[in-house]
Amino acid sequence: MKIPMRQCSACRGHFEKRQLLRIVRTPDGDVLVDRRGKVSGRGVYICCNEDCLNKAIKTKALSRALETPVSDETIESIRQAIRETANG
């Protein structure tokens, strides 16, 4: 069986889809964390660590990939999702 692979928008590494965190811009324009990978809209993947998130913020990789600005509130929700993933 073929394993779905995705690229982290920050470090540009290729990983199994389930190892990454999906951020999605919904058709309504909201940006949110998609934990199940089922929300419709434009998605981008990042590694589940704060180093990649910080790099994505610094290089504006998330905003560019999602084609919309990402608010500080959304960044904090992504950071929280990464922490929850790290804690199991």
C-alpha atoms as a PDB file:
ATOM      1  CA  MET A   1       0.000   0.000   0.000  1.00  0.00           C
ATOM      2  CA  LYS A   2       1.287   3.448  -0.924  1.00  0.00           C
ATOM      3  CA  ILE A   3       1.797   5.895   1.960  1.00  0.00           C
ATOM      4  CA  PRO A   4       0.664   9.504   1.292  1.00  0.00           C
ATOM      5  CA  MET A   5       3.602  11.917   1.530  1.00  0.00           C
ATOM      6  CA  ARG A   6       3.481  15.693   2.024  1.00  0.00           C
ATOM      7  CA  GLN A   7       6.058  18.477   2.170  1.00  0.00           C
ATOM      8  CA  CYS A   8       6.556  20.735   5.187  1.00  0.00           C
ATOM      9  CA  SER A   9       6.198  24.321   3.966  1.00  0.00           C
ATOM     10  CA  ALA A  10       8.876  25.509   6.431  1.00  0.00           C
ATOM     11  CA  CYS A  11      11.756  23.011   6.245  1.00  0.00           C
ATOM     12  CA  ARG A  12      10.704  21.613   2.840  1.00  0.00           C
ATOM     13  CA  GLY A  13      11.234  18.029   4.039  1.00  0.00           C
ATOM     14  CA  HIS A  14       8.991  15.222   2.796  1.00  0.00           C
ATOM     15  CA  PHE A  15       7.191  13.198   5.458  1.00  0.00           C
ATOM     16  CA  GLU A  16       4.246  10.866   5.841  1.00  0.00           C
ATOM     17  CA  LYS A  17       1.028  12.872   5.817  1.00  0.00           C
ATOM     18  CA  ARG A  18       0.024  11.722   9.311  1.00  0.00           C
ATOM     19  CA  GLN A  19       3.304  13.030  10.798  1.00  0.00           C
ATOM     20  CA  LEU A  20       2.517  16.600   9.767  1.00  0.00           C
ATOM     21  CA  LEU A  21       0.038  19.204  10.961  1.00  0.00           C
ATOM     22  CA  ARG A  22      -2.394  20.544   8.356  1.00  0.00           C
ATOM     23  CA  ILE A  23      -3.366  24.200   8.347  1.00  0.00           C
ATOM     24  CA  VAL A  24      -6.295  25.086   6.094  1.00  0.00           C
ATOM     25  CA  ARG A  25      -7.906  28.226   4.689  1.00  0.00           C
ATOM     26  CA  THR A  26     -11.598  27.460   4.418  1.00  0.00           C
ATOM     27  CA  PRO A  27     -13.741  28.707   1.522  1.00  0.00           C
ATOM     28  CA  ASP A  28     -15.018  31.383   3.975  1.00  0.00           C
ATOM     29  CA  GLY A  29     -11.447  32.659   4.442  1.00  0.00           C
ATOM     30  CA  ASP A  30     -10.914  31.354   7.979  1.00  0.00           C
ATOM     31  CA  VAL A  31      -7.501  29.858   8.769  1.00  0.00           C
ATOM     32  CA  LEU A  32      -7.521  26.966  11.224  1.00  0.00           C
ATOM     33  CA  VAL A  33      -5.776  23.776  12.294  1.00  0.00           C
ATOM     34  CA  ASP A  34      -7.222  20.714  10.590  1.00  0.00           C
ATOM     35  CA  ARG A  35      -6.398  17.841  12.925  1.00  0.00           C
ATOM     36  CA  ARG A  36      -8.300  15.186  10.964  1.00  0.00           C
ATOM     37  CA  GLY A  37      -7.307  16.342   7.484  1.00  0.00           C
ATOM     38  CA  LYS A  38     -10.925  16.476   6.313  1.00  0.00           C
ATOM     39  CA  VAL A  39     -11.762  20.202   6.243  1.00  0.00           C
ATOM     40  CA  SER A  40     -12.286  21.485   2.710  1.00  0.00           C
ATOM     41  CA  GLY A  41     -10.163  24.373   1.542  1.00  0.00           C
ATOM     42  CA  ARG A  42      -6.595  25.232   0.691  1.00  0.00           C
ATOM     43  CA  GLY A  43      -4.251  23.277   2.944  1.00  0.00           C
ATOM     44  CA  VAL A  44      -0.608  23.520   3.905  1.00  0.00           C
ATOM     45  CA  TYR A  45       1.442  21.147   6.030  1.00  0.00           C
ATOM     46  CA  ILE A  46       4.115  21.817   8.647  1.00  0.00           C
ATOM     47  CA  CYS A  47       6.152  19.571  10.922  1.00  0.00           C
ATOM     48  CA  CYS A  48       4.803  19.127  14.432  1.00  0.00           C
ATOM     49  CA  ASN A  49       7.533  21.173  16.087  1.00  0.00           C
ATOM     50  CA  GLU A  50       7.862  24.811  17.041  1.00  0.00           C
ATOM     51  CA  ASP A  51      11.124  25.269  15.128  1.00  0.00           C
ATOM     52  CA  CYS A  52       9.308  24.681  11.838  1.00  0.00           C
ATOM     53  CA  LEU A  53       6.430  26.909  12.924  1.00  0.00           C
ATOM     54  CA  ASN A  54       8.849  29.710  13.824  1.00  0.00           C
ATOM     55  CA  LYS A  55      10.608  29.312  10.476  1.00  0.00           C
ATOM     56  CA  ALA A  56       7.253  29.357   8.648  1.00  0.00           C
ATOM     57  CA  ILE A  57       6.315  32.583  10.465  1.00  0.00           C
ATOM     58  CA  LYS A  58       9.674  34.221   9.791  1.00  0.00           C
ATOM     59  CA  THR A  59       9.649  33.372   6.076  1.00  0.00           C
ATOM     60  CA  LYS A  60       5.879  33.977   5.747  1.00  0.00           C
ATOM     61  CA  ALA A  61       5.581  30.475   4.266  1.00  0.00           C
ATOM     62  CA  LEU A  62       2.105  29.901   5.735  1.00  0.00           C
ATOM     63  CA  SER A  63       0.707  33.195   4.469  1.00  0.00           C
ATOM     64  CA  ARG A  64       2.176  32.600   1.037  1.00  0.00           C
ATOM     65  CA  ALA A  65       0.938  29.007   0.768  1.00  0.00           C
ATOM     66  CA  LEU A  66      -2.537  29.865   2.068  1.00  0.00           C
ATOM     67  CA  GLU A  67      -2.675  33.057   0.004  1.00  0.00           C
ATOM     68  CA  THR A  68      -3.946  35.051   3.000  1.00  0.00           C
ATOM     69  CA  PRO A  69      -2.453  36.681   6.115  1.00  0.00           C
ATOM     70  CA  VAL A  70      -2.293  34.439   9.185  1.00  0.00           C
ATOM     71  CA  SER A  71      -3.342  36.199  12.407  1.00  0.00           C
ATOM     72  CA  ASP A  72      -1.428  36.043  15.687  1.00  0.00           C
ATOM     73  CA  GLU A  73      -4.447  34.283  17.210  1.00  0.00           C
ATOM     74  CA  THR A  74      -4.222  31.557  14.560  1.00  0.00           C
ATOM     75  CA  ILE A  75      -0.458  31.239  15.110  1.00  0.00           C
ATOM     76  CA  GLU A  76      -1.125  30.658  18.814  1.00  0.00           C
ATOM     77  CA  SER A  77      -3.731  27.976  18.049  1.00  0.00           C
ATOM     78  CA  ILE A  78      -1.201  26.254  15.756  1.00  0.00           C
ATOM     79  CA  ARG A  79       1.440  26.495  18.496  1.00  0.00           C
ATOM     80  CA  GLN A  80      -1.037  24.949  20.975  1.00  0.00           C
ATOM     81  CA  ALA A  81      -1.842  22.123  18.541  1.00  0.00           C
ATOM     82  CA  ILE A  82       1.882  21.379  18.192  1.00  0.00           C
ATOM     83  CA  ARG A  83       2.287  21.248  21.978  1.00  0.00           C
ATOM     84  CA  GLU A  84      -0.714  18.928  22.317  1.00  0.00           C
ATOM     85  CA  THR A  85       0.693  16.652  19.612  1.00  0.00           C
ATOM     86  CA  ALA A  86       4.082  16.574  21.352  1.00  0.00           C
ATOM     87  CA  ASN A  87       2.468  15.660  24.681  1.00  0.00           C
ATOM     88  CA  GLY A  88       0.542  12.822  23.095  1.00  0.00           C
END
